[in-house]
C-alpha cells in the first residue's frame, strides 16, 4: 500500500493524514444524433480500440443490429452535472468494450459515427477528451437488438409421397 501525506508511525499503528484540494472536476456528456443504416465499411470494427468496461455508465440506449448513429460534439459538465464552457482545444479518443458488437469511425473533430456490427449484445462506448493535461470521459451502454424483418427463411417439412402407390 502506498502511503502519502503526513505519516506518523506509532509502532503497530500508522496514522496517515492527507489534505486534498477540491477542484473543478469536469465530465463529458455524450450526445447521440440520428440513427441510420450503417454501411458494411462502417460495421468493420478492426480499427476500433478496445477498452475495459467501466463500473458506471452515464446513459443506456438500444440500437438495431443494422444501424449506427452520429456521436455529436460533447457537452462538458462539472461534477454536479451543470454545463460548463468547453475547453478551447481538446483531443478526443473513442473506444468500445466489445469490438464484436460496436465499431467506431472517428471523424477527427471530436465527433464519431458508431455502428452496430450485426452481432447482438451489449457494449460500452467510451469517449475520452484530453486538454490542459487533464482527461475526462463519458460512457454509454449500447444494447444491440434485432432489426426489422427484411428477409424470410422458408422452412421445409419432411418429404412425403403425393401419388398413391398402384
N, C-alpha and C. Protein backbone atom coordinates (compact mmCIF):
# COMPACT_ATOMS: atom_id res chain seq x y z
N UNK A 1 0.83 -1.17 0.00
CA UNK A 1 0.00 0.00 0.00
C UNK A 1 0.88 1.23 0.00
N UNK A 2 0.54 2.19 -0.87
CA UNK A 2 1.28 3.44 -0.97
C UNK A 2 0.71 4.44 0.02
N UNK A 3 1.53 4.92 0.94
CA UNK A 3 1.10 5.94 1.89
C UNK A 3 1.57 7.30 1.41
N UNK A 4 0.69 8.28 1.49
CA UNK A 4 1.01 9.63 1.06
C UNK A 4 0.61 10.61 2.15
N UNK A 5 1.17 11.79 2.10
CA UNK A 5 0.82 12.82 3.07
C UNK A 5 1.67 12.71 4.32
N UNK A 6 1.16 13.24 5.43
CA UNK A 6 1.88 13.20 6.70
C UNK A 6 1.66 11.82 7.34
N UNK A 7 2.76 11.12 7.56
CA UNK A 7 2.71 9.76 8.10
C UNK A 7 3.34 9.79 9.50
N UNK A 8 2.61 9.26 10.49
CA UNK A 8 3.14 9.11 11.84
C UNK A 8 3.10 7.63 12.19
N UNK A 9 4.26 7.07 12.49
CA UNK A 9 4.37 5.65 12.81
C UNK A 9 4.34 5.48 14.32
N UNK A 10 3.33 4.78 14.84
CA UNK A 10 3.19 4.51 16.28
C UNK A 10 3.49 3.05 16.60
N UNK A 11 4.38 2.44 15.87
CA UNK A 11 4.72 1.03 16.12
C UNK A 11 3.76 0.13 15.37
N UNK A 12 2.76 -0.41 16.07
CA UNK A 12 1.77 -1.28 15.45
C UNK A 12 0.67 -0.49 14.72
N UNK A 13 0.71 0.81 14.82
CA UNK A 13 -0.30 1.66 14.24
C UNK A 13 0.35 2.76 13.41
N UNK A 14 -0.20 3.02 12.21
CA UNK A 14 0.30 4.09 11.36
C UNK A 14 -0.85 5.07 11.14
N UNK A 15 -0.57 6.36 11.38
CA UNK A 15 -1.57 7.40 11.14
C UNK A 15 -1.20 8.13 9.86
N UNK A 16 -2.16 8.21 8.93
CA UNK A 16 -1.94 8.89 7.66
C UNK A 16 -2.86 10.09 7.59
N UNK A 17 -2.30 11.26 7.28
CA UNK A 17 -3.09 12.47 7.13
C UNK A 17 -2.86 13.04 5.74
N UNK A 18 -3.97 13.22 5.00
CA UNK A 18 -3.87 13.76 3.65
C UNK A 18 -4.84 14.91 3.51
N UNK A 19 -4.41 15.93 2.86
CA UNK A 19 -5.27 17.05 2.52
C UNK A 19 -5.41 17.07 1.00
N UNK A 20 -6.64 17.09 0.53
CA UNK A 20 -6.89 17.08 -0.90
C UNK A 20 -7.62 18.37 -1.26
N UNK A 21 -7.06 19.09 -2.20
CA UNK A 21 -7.67 20.34 -2.64
C UNK A 21 -8.75 20.01 -3.66
N UNK A 22 -9.97 20.43 -3.35
CA UNK A 22 -11.07 20.21 -4.28
C UNK A 22 -10.93 21.17 -5.44
N UNK A 23 -11.10 20.66 -6.61
CA UNK A 23 -11.02 21.48 -7.81
C UNK A 23 -12.21 21.23 -8.68
N UNK A 24 -12.26 21.91 -9.76
CA UNK A 24 -13.34 21.74 -10.71
C UNK A 24 -13.13 20.42 -11.45
N UNK A 25 -14.02 19.49 -11.24
CA UNK A 25 -13.94 18.20 -11.92
C UNK A 25 -14.92 18.21 -13.08
N UNK A 26 -14.40 18.05 -14.26
CA UNK A 26 -15.24 18.06 -15.45
C UNK A 26 -15.64 16.65 -15.85
N UNK A 27 -16.79 16.55 -16.49
CA UNK A 27 -17.26 15.31 -17.08
C UNK A 27 -17.66 15.62 -18.52
N UNK A 28 -17.74 14.61 -19.32
CA UNK A 28 -18.20 14.78 -20.70
C UNK A 28 -19.53 14.05 -20.84
N UNK A 29 -20.52 14.73 -21.39
CA UNK A 29 -21.82 14.12 -21.65
C UNK A 29 -21.90 13.90 -23.15
N UNK A 30 -22.12 12.64 -23.55
CA UNK A 30 -22.17 12.29 -24.97
C UNK A 30 -23.54 12.63 -25.53
N UNK A 31 -23.59 13.11 -26.77
CA UNK A 31 -24.84 13.44 -27.46
C UNK A 31 -24.96 12.58 -28.70
N UNK A 32 -26.07 11.87 -28.77
CA UNK A 32 -26.31 10.96 -29.88
C UNK A 32 -27.16 11.67 -30.93
N UNK A 33 -26.75 11.57 -32.18
CA UNK A 33 -27.50 12.14 -33.29
C UNK A 33 -28.48 11.13 -33.86
N UNK A 34 -28.86 11.35 -35.09
CA UNK A 34 -29.86 10.49 -35.72
C UNK A 34 -29.32 9.09 -35.98
N UNK A 35 -30.24 8.12 -35.99
CA UNK A 35 -29.90 6.75 -36.35
C UNK A 35 -30.07 6.59 -37.85
N UNK A 36 -29.23 5.77 -38.46
CA UNK A 36 -29.37 5.44 -39.88
C UNK A 36 -28.74 4.08 -40.12
N UNK A 37 -29.06 3.49 -41.27
CA UNK A 37 -28.44 2.21 -41.63
C UNK A 37 -26.94 2.41 -41.76
N UNK A 38 -26.18 1.48 -41.23
CA UNK A 38 -24.73 1.53 -41.32
C UNK A 38 -24.26 0.76 -42.54
N UNK A 39 -23.23 1.25 -43.19
CA UNK A 39 -22.67 0.55 -44.35
C UNK A 39 -21.76 -0.57 -43.88
N UNK A 40 -21.40 -1.46 -44.78
CA UNK A 40 -20.51 -2.57 -44.43
C UNK A 40 -19.16 -2.05 -43.93
N UNK A 41 -18.65 -0.99 -44.54
CA UNK A 41 -17.36 -0.42 -44.12
C UNK A 41 -17.46 0.15 -42.70
N UNK A 42 -18.59 0.75 -42.37
CA UNK A 42 -18.76 1.33 -41.03
C UNK A 42 -18.92 0.26 -39.96
N UNK A 43 -19.36 -0.93 -40.34
CA UNK A 43 -19.53 -2.02 -39.38
C UNK A 43 -18.23 -2.79 -39.12
N UNK A 44 -17.17 -2.45 -39.83
CA UNK A 44 -15.87 -3.09 -39.64
C UNK A 44 -15.22 -2.54 -38.37
N UNK A 45 -15.05 -3.38 -37.36
CA UNK A 45 -14.51 -2.92 -36.08
C UNK A 45 -13.03 -3.23 -35.90
N UNK A 46 -12.35 -3.58 -36.99
CA UNK A 46 -10.94 -3.99 -36.87
C UNK A 46 -10.03 -2.86 -36.42
N UNK A 47 -10.42 -1.61 -36.63
CA UNK A 47 -9.57 -0.49 -36.20
C UNK A 47 -10.09 0.20 -34.94
N UNK A 48 -11.18 -0.30 -34.38
CA UNK A 48 -11.76 0.32 -33.19
C UNK A 48 -10.98 -0.10 -31.95
N UNK A 49 -10.47 0.85 -31.16
CA UNK A 49 -9.76 0.50 -29.93
C UNK A 49 -10.71 -0.16 -28.93
N UNK A 50 -10.17 -1.10 -28.18
CA UNK A 50 -10.96 -1.80 -27.17
C UNK A 50 -10.57 -1.29 -25.79
N UNK A 51 -11.54 -1.17 -24.91
CA UNK A 51 -11.30 -0.70 -23.56
C UNK A 51 -12.03 -1.59 -22.57
N UNK A 52 -11.64 -1.52 -21.31
CA UNK A 52 -12.33 -2.27 -20.26
C UNK A 52 -13.68 -1.63 -19.99
N UNK A 53 -14.63 -2.44 -19.56
CA UNK A 53 -15.96 -1.93 -19.22
C UNK A 53 -15.89 -1.16 -17.91
N UNK A 54 -16.32 0.11 -17.91
CA UNK A 54 -16.30 0.87 -16.66
C UNK A 54 -17.36 0.36 -15.71
N UNK A 55 -17.23 0.68 -14.44
CA UNK A 55 -18.20 0.24 -13.45
C UNK A 55 -19.51 1.00 -13.54
N UNK A 56 -19.51 2.16 -14.15
CA UNK A 56 -20.69 3.01 -14.21
C UNK A 56 -20.80 3.62 -15.60
N UNK A 57 -22.02 3.68 -16.11
CA UNK A 57 -22.24 4.35 -17.39
C UNK A 57 -23.17 5.53 -17.18
N UNK A 58 -23.09 6.48 -18.09
CA UNK A 58 -23.90 7.69 -17.98
C UNK A 58 -25.30 7.50 -18.56
N UNK A 59 -25.42 6.75 -19.64
CA UNK A 59 -26.69 6.55 -20.33
C UNK A 59 -26.75 5.13 -20.88
N UNK A 60 -27.96 4.75 -21.31
CA UNK A 60 -28.17 3.45 -21.94
C UNK A 60 -29.08 3.65 -23.13
N UNK A 61 -28.79 2.97 -24.22
CA UNK A 61 -29.64 3.07 -25.40
C UNK A 61 -29.69 1.74 -26.14
N UNK A 62 -30.76 1.54 -26.91
CA UNK A 62 -30.88 0.39 -27.80
C UNK A 62 -30.56 0.82 -29.22
N UNK A 63 -29.95 -0.08 -29.97
CA UNK A 63 -29.58 0.19 -31.36
C UNK A 63 -29.86 -1.07 -32.16
N UNK A 64 -30.57 -0.93 -33.29
CA UNK A 64 -30.84 -2.10 -34.14
C UNK A 64 -29.55 -2.58 -34.78
N UNK A 65 -29.47 -3.88 -35.04
CA UNK A 65 -28.24 -4.54 -35.49
C UNK A 65 -27.72 -4.02 -36.82
N UNK A 66 -28.57 -3.36 -37.63
CA UNK A 66 -28.12 -2.86 -38.93
C UNK A 66 -27.99 -1.34 -38.95
N UNK A 67 -27.99 -0.71 -37.77
CA UNK A 67 -27.96 0.75 -37.70
C UNK A 67 -26.69 1.27 -37.04
N UNK A 68 -26.55 2.56 -37.13
CA UNK A 68 -25.48 3.28 -36.45
C UNK A 68 -26.00 4.65 -36.10
N UNK A 69 -25.19 5.43 -35.41
CA UNK A 69 -25.61 6.79 -35.05
C UNK A 69 -24.41 7.71 -35.02
N UNK A 70 -24.69 8.99 -35.25
CA UNK A 70 -23.66 10.02 -35.15
C UNK A 70 -23.46 10.35 -33.67
N UNK A 71 -22.23 10.41 -33.24
CA UNK A 71 -21.89 10.87 -31.90
C UNK A 71 -21.46 12.32 -32.06
N UNK A 72 -22.29 13.23 -31.57
CA UNK A 72 -22.08 14.65 -31.77
C UNK A 72 -21.05 15.19 -30.78
N UNK A 73 -20.69 16.47 -30.93
CA UNK A 73 -19.74 17.10 -30.02
C UNK A 73 -20.27 17.02 -28.59
N UNK A 74 -19.40 16.78 -27.61
CA UNK A 74 -19.86 16.61 -26.22
C UNK A 74 -20.19 17.94 -25.56
N UNK A 75 -20.93 17.84 -24.48
CA UNK A 75 -21.13 18.96 -23.56
C UNK A 75 -20.30 18.64 -22.33
N UNK A 76 -19.54 19.59 -21.86
CA UNK A 76 -18.75 19.39 -20.66
C UNK A 76 -19.55 19.89 -19.46
N UNK A 77 -19.54 19.11 -18.38
CA UNK A 77 -20.26 19.48 -17.17
C UNK A 77 -19.33 19.41 -15.96
N UNK A 78 -19.72 20.11 -14.89
CA UNK A 78 -18.95 19.99 -13.66
C UNK A 78 -19.40 18.74 -12.92
N UNK A 79 -18.85 18.50 -11.74
CA UNK A 79 -19.15 17.27 -11.01
C UNK A 79 -20.61 17.19 -10.58
N UNK A 80 -21.33 18.31 -10.58
CA UNK A 80 -22.73 18.33 -10.19
C UNK A 80 -23.67 18.25 -11.39
N UNK A 81 -23.12 18.12 -12.60
CA UNK A 81 -23.92 17.99 -13.80
C UNK A 81 -24.29 19.29 -14.46
N UNK A 82 -23.74 20.40 -14.00
CA UNK A 82 -24.02 21.70 -14.60
C UNK A 82 -23.15 21.90 -15.84
N UNK A 83 -23.76 22.38 -16.92
CA UNK A 83 -23.00 22.63 -18.15
C UNK A 83 -21.95 23.71 -17.89
N UNK A 84 -20.77 23.51 -18.45
CA UNK A 84 -19.68 24.45 -18.31
C UNK A 84 -19.05 24.69 -19.67
N UNK A 85 -18.24 25.70 -19.78
CA UNK A 85 -17.60 26.01 -21.05
C UNK A 85 -16.71 24.85 -21.50
N UNK A 86 -16.77 24.56 -22.79
CA UNK A 86 -15.89 23.53 -23.35
C UNK A 86 -14.48 24.09 -23.43
N UNK A 87 -13.47 23.24 -23.26
CA UNK A 87 -12.10 23.71 -23.42
C UNK A 87 -11.89 24.23 -24.84
N UNK A 88 -11.01 25.19 -24.99
CA UNK A 88 -10.75 25.78 -26.30
C UNK A 88 -10.20 24.74 -27.28
N UNK A 89 -9.36 23.85 -26.80
CA UNK A 89 -8.73 22.86 -27.66
C UNK A 89 -8.65 21.55 -26.90
N UNK A 90 -9.22 20.48 -27.46
CA UNK A 90 -9.16 19.18 -26.80
C UNK A 90 -8.96 18.08 -27.84
N UNK A 91 -8.36 16.99 -27.38
CA UNK A 91 -8.19 15.81 -28.23
C UNK A 91 -9.20 14.76 -27.78
N UNK A 92 -9.74 14.03 -28.74
CA UNK A 92 -10.74 13.01 -28.40
C UNK A 92 -10.25 11.63 -28.83
N UNK A 93 -10.72 10.64 -28.10
CA UNK A 93 -10.41 9.24 -28.41
C UNK A 93 -11.64 8.41 -28.08
N UNK A 94 -11.99 7.48 -28.96
CA UNK A 94 -13.17 6.66 -28.78
C UNK A 94 -12.77 5.19 -28.72
N UNK A 95 -13.44 4.45 -27.83
CA UNK A 95 -13.17 3.02 -27.72
C UNK A 95 -14.45 2.32 -27.28
N UNK A 96 -14.49 1.00 -27.43
CA UNK A 96 -15.65 0.21 -27.01
C UNK A 96 -15.17 -0.99 -26.21
N UNK A 97 -16.05 -1.51 -25.36
CA UNK A 97 -15.68 -2.65 -24.53
C UNK A 97 -15.72 -3.96 -25.30
N UNK A 98 -16.49 -4.04 -26.39
CA UNK A 98 -16.58 -5.27 -27.17
C UNK A 98 -16.65 -4.90 -28.66
N UNK A 99 -15.53 -5.07 -29.35
CA UNK A 99 -15.46 -4.68 -30.77
C UNK A 99 -16.22 -5.63 -31.68
N UNK A 100 -16.69 -6.76 -31.17
CA UNK A 100 -17.52 -7.63 -31.99
C UNK A 100 -18.95 -7.10 -32.07
N UNK A 101 -19.30 -6.13 -31.23
CA UNK A 101 -20.66 -5.59 -31.18
C UNK A 101 -20.75 -4.19 -31.78
N UNK A 102 -19.74 -3.32 -31.51
CA UNK A 102 -19.75 -1.95 -32.00
C UNK A 102 -18.46 -1.60 -32.71
N UNK A 103 -18.57 -0.76 -33.73
CA UNK A 103 -17.42 -0.22 -34.44
C UNK A 103 -17.52 1.30 -34.41
N UNK A 104 -16.38 1.98 -34.28
CA UNK A 104 -16.38 3.44 -34.21
C UNK A 104 -15.51 4.00 -35.33
N UNK A 105 -16.05 5.00 -36.04
CA UNK A 105 -15.29 5.75 -37.02
C UNK A 105 -15.09 7.16 -36.46
N UNK A 106 -13.85 7.49 -36.13
CA UNK A 106 -13.53 8.80 -35.56
C UNK A 106 -13.49 9.82 -36.69
N UNK A 107 -14.25 10.91 -36.57
CA UNK A 107 -14.28 11.95 -37.59
C UNK A 107 -13.13 12.94 -37.46
N UNK A 108 -12.35 12.84 -36.37
CA UNK A 108 -11.18 13.68 -36.18
C UNK A 108 -11.49 15.08 -35.65
N UNK A 109 -12.75 15.35 -35.33
CA UNK A 109 -13.13 16.68 -34.85
C UNK A 109 -13.88 16.62 -33.51
N UNK A 110 -13.70 15.52 -32.77
CA UNK A 110 -14.41 15.35 -31.50
C UNK A 110 -15.74 14.64 -31.66
N UNK A 111 -16.10 14.29 -32.91
CA UNK A 111 -17.33 13.55 -33.17
C UNK A 111 -16.96 12.21 -33.80
N UNK A 112 -17.94 11.31 -33.91
CA UNK A 112 -17.68 9.98 -34.47
C UNK A 112 -18.97 9.40 -35.01
N UNK A 113 -18.85 8.31 -35.76
CA UNK A 113 -20.00 7.51 -36.16
C UNK A 113 -19.84 6.15 -35.52
N UNK A 114 -20.88 5.69 -34.82
CA UNK A 114 -20.85 4.41 -34.11
C UNK A 114 -21.82 3.48 -34.82
N UNK A 115 -21.36 2.29 -35.20
CA UNK A 115 -22.19 1.34 -35.94
C UNK A 115 -22.24 0.00 -35.23
N UNK A 116 -23.42 -0.61 -35.26
CA UNK A 116 -23.56 -1.98 -34.80
C UNK A 116 -22.91 -2.88 -35.86
N UNK A 117 -22.22 -3.92 -35.42
CA UNK A 117 -21.56 -4.81 -36.37
C UNK A 117 -22.50 -5.89 -36.90
N UNK A 118 -23.67 -6.02 -36.27
CA UNK A 118 -24.61 -7.06 -36.65
C UNK A 118 -24.75 -8.11 -35.58
N UNK A 119 -23.81 -8.15 -34.64
CA UNK A 119 -23.86 -9.09 -33.53
C UNK A 119 -24.71 -8.49 -32.41
N UNK A 120 -25.65 -9.28 -31.88
CA UNK A 120 -26.49 -8.80 -30.80
C UNK A 120 -25.74 -8.88 -29.47
N UNK A 121 -26.03 -7.94 -28.58
CA UNK A 121 -25.39 -7.93 -27.26
C UNK A 121 -25.20 -6.52 -26.75
N UNK A 122 -24.39 -6.37 -25.71
CA UNK A 122 -24.14 -5.07 -25.10
C UNK A 122 -22.66 -4.72 -25.15
N UNK A 123 -22.39 -3.45 -25.37
CA UNK A 123 -21.03 -2.93 -25.35
C UNK A 123 -21.08 -1.51 -24.81
N UNK A 124 -20.00 -1.10 -24.16
CA UNK A 124 -19.90 0.26 -23.63
C UNK A 124 -19.02 1.08 -24.56
N UNK A 125 -19.58 2.20 -25.02
CA UNK A 125 -18.84 3.17 -25.82
C UNK A 125 -18.23 4.17 -24.85
N UNK A 126 -16.92 4.39 -24.95
CA UNK A 126 -16.24 5.37 -24.10
C UNK A 126 -15.61 6.44 -24.97
N UNK A 127 -15.90 7.68 -24.64
CA UNK A 127 -15.28 8.82 -25.31
C UNK A 127 -14.41 9.53 -24.28
N UNK A 128 -13.13 9.71 -24.61
CA UNK A 128 -12.18 10.34 -23.69
C UNK A 128 -11.68 11.62 -24.33
N UNK A 129 -11.71 12.69 -23.56
CA UNK A 129 -11.28 14.01 -24.05
C UNK A 129 -10.13 14.50 -23.17
N UNK A 130 -9.04 14.93 -23.81
CA UNK A 130 -7.85 15.39 -23.10
C UNK A 130 -7.58 16.85 -23.45
N UNK A 131 -7.30 17.65 -22.42
CA UNK A 131 -7.00 19.06 -22.61
C UNK A 131 -6.28 19.57 -21.36
N UNK A 132 -5.39 20.50 -21.53
CA UNK A 132 -4.67 21.12 -20.41
C UNK A 132 -4.11 20.10 -19.42
N UNK A 133 -3.64 18.96 -19.90
CA UNK A 133 -3.08 17.93 -19.03
C UNK A 133 -4.13 17.16 -18.24
N UNK A 134 -5.39 17.36 -18.53
CA UNK A 134 -6.48 16.68 -17.83
C UNK A 134 -7.22 15.76 -18.79
N UNK A 135 -7.88 14.77 -18.23
CA UNK A 135 -8.65 13.83 -19.03
C UNK A 135 -10.03 13.67 -18.41
N UNK A 136 -11.07 13.76 -19.23
CA UNK A 136 -12.44 13.48 -18.81
C UNK A 136 -13.04 12.50 -19.79
N UNK A 137 -14.06 11.77 -19.35
CA UNK A 137 -14.65 10.79 -20.25
C UNK A 137 -16.14 10.70 -20.03
N UNK A 138 -16.81 10.08 -20.98
CA UNK A 138 -18.22 9.77 -20.91
C UNK A 138 -18.43 8.35 -21.41
N UNK A 139 -19.40 7.64 -20.82
CA UNK A 139 -19.64 6.24 -21.16
C UNK A 139 -21.11 6.02 -21.47
N UNK A 140 -21.38 5.27 -22.54
CA UNK A 140 -22.74 4.98 -22.98
C UNK A 140 -22.86 3.47 -23.18
N UNK A 141 -23.83 2.85 -22.49
CA UNK A 141 -24.09 1.43 -22.68
C UNK A 141 -25.03 1.28 -23.86
N UNK A 142 -24.60 0.53 -24.87
CA UNK A 142 -25.40 0.33 -26.08
C UNK A 142 -25.79 -1.14 -26.15
N UNK A 143 -27.09 -1.38 -26.23
CA UNK A 143 -27.60 -2.74 -26.41
C UNK A 143 -28.03 -2.89 -27.86
N UNK A 144 -27.38 -3.79 -28.57
CA UNK A 144 -27.70 -4.02 -29.98
C UNK A 144 -28.79 -5.09 -30.02
N UNK A 145 -29.92 -4.72 -30.63
CA UNK A 145 -31.09 -5.58 -30.71
C UNK A 145 -31.36 -5.92 -32.16
N UNK A 146 -32.19 -6.94 -32.40
CA UNK A 146 -32.52 -7.36 -33.76
C UNK A 146 -33.23 -6.23 -34.50
N UNK A 147 -32.94 -6.11 -35.78
CA UNK A 147 -33.57 -5.09 -36.61
C UNK A 147 -34.94 -5.53 -37.08
N UNK A 148 -35.51 -4.74 -37.97
CA UNK A 148 -36.82 -5.05 -38.52
C UNK A 148 -36.71 -6.21 -39.52
N UNK A 149 -37.81 -6.93 -39.70
CA UNK A 149 -37.83 -8.06 -40.63
C UNK A 149 -37.62 -7.56 -42.06
N UNK A 150 -36.60 -8.11 -42.72
CA UNK A 150 -36.32 -7.73 -44.11
C UNK A 150 -36.19 -8.94 -45.02
N UNK A 151 -36.06 -10.11 -44.47
CA UNK A 151 -35.94 -11.35 -45.24
C UNK A 151 -36.81 -12.41 -44.56
N UNK A 152 -37.09 -13.46 -45.28
CA UNK A 152 -37.84 -14.57 -44.72
C UNK A 152 -37.11 -15.86 -45.07
N UNK A 153 -37.09 -16.78 -44.15
CA UNK A 153 -36.49 -18.10 -44.38
C UNK A 153 -37.61 -19.11 -44.52
N UNK A 154 -37.58 -19.85 -45.60
CA UNK A 154 -38.59 -20.89 -45.80
C UNK A 154 -38.16 -22.14 -45.07
N UNK A 155 -39.09 -22.73 -44.35
CA UNK A 155 -38.81 -23.95 -43.58
C UNK A 155 -39.57 -25.11 -44.22
N UNK A 156 -38.86 -26.17 -44.56
CA UNK A 156 -39.44 -27.31 -45.24
C UNK A 156 -39.73 -28.43 -44.26
N UNK A 157 -40.87 -29.09 -44.47
CA UNK A 157 -41.20 -30.27 -43.69
C UNK A 157 -40.58 -31.51 -44.33
N UNK A 158 -40.88 -32.65 -43.74
CA UNK A 158 -40.37 -33.91 -44.28
C UNK A 158 -41.02 -34.20 -45.63
N UNK A 159 -40.24 -34.69 -46.61
CA UNK A 159 -40.83 -35.05 -47.91
C UNK A 159 -41.86 -36.18 -47.72
N UNK A 160 -42.92 -36.15 -48.49
CA UNK A 160 -43.93 -37.20 -48.42
C UNK A 160 -44.45 -37.49 -49.83
N UNK A 161 -44.98 -38.67 -50.00
CA UNK A 161 -45.48 -39.11 -51.29
C UNK A 161 -46.78 -38.40 -51.59
N UNK A 162 -46.95 -37.96 -52.85
CA UNK A 162 -48.16 -37.26 -53.23
C UNK A 162 -49.04 -38.07 -54.17
N UNK A 163 -48.51 -39.18 -54.73
CA UNK A 163 -49.33 -40.02 -55.59
C UNK A 163 -49.45 -41.38 -54.93
N UNK A 164 -50.61 -41.99 -54.99
CA UNK A 164 -50.76 -43.31 -54.33
C UNK A 164 -49.99 -44.37 -55.11
N UNK A 165 -49.45 -45.34 -54.35
CA UNK A 165 -48.79 -46.49 -55.00
C UNK A 165 -49.84 -47.36 -55.63
N UNK A 166 -49.63 -47.79 -56.89
CA UNK A 166 -50.64 -48.64 -57.55
C UNK A 166 -50.16 -50.05 -57.66
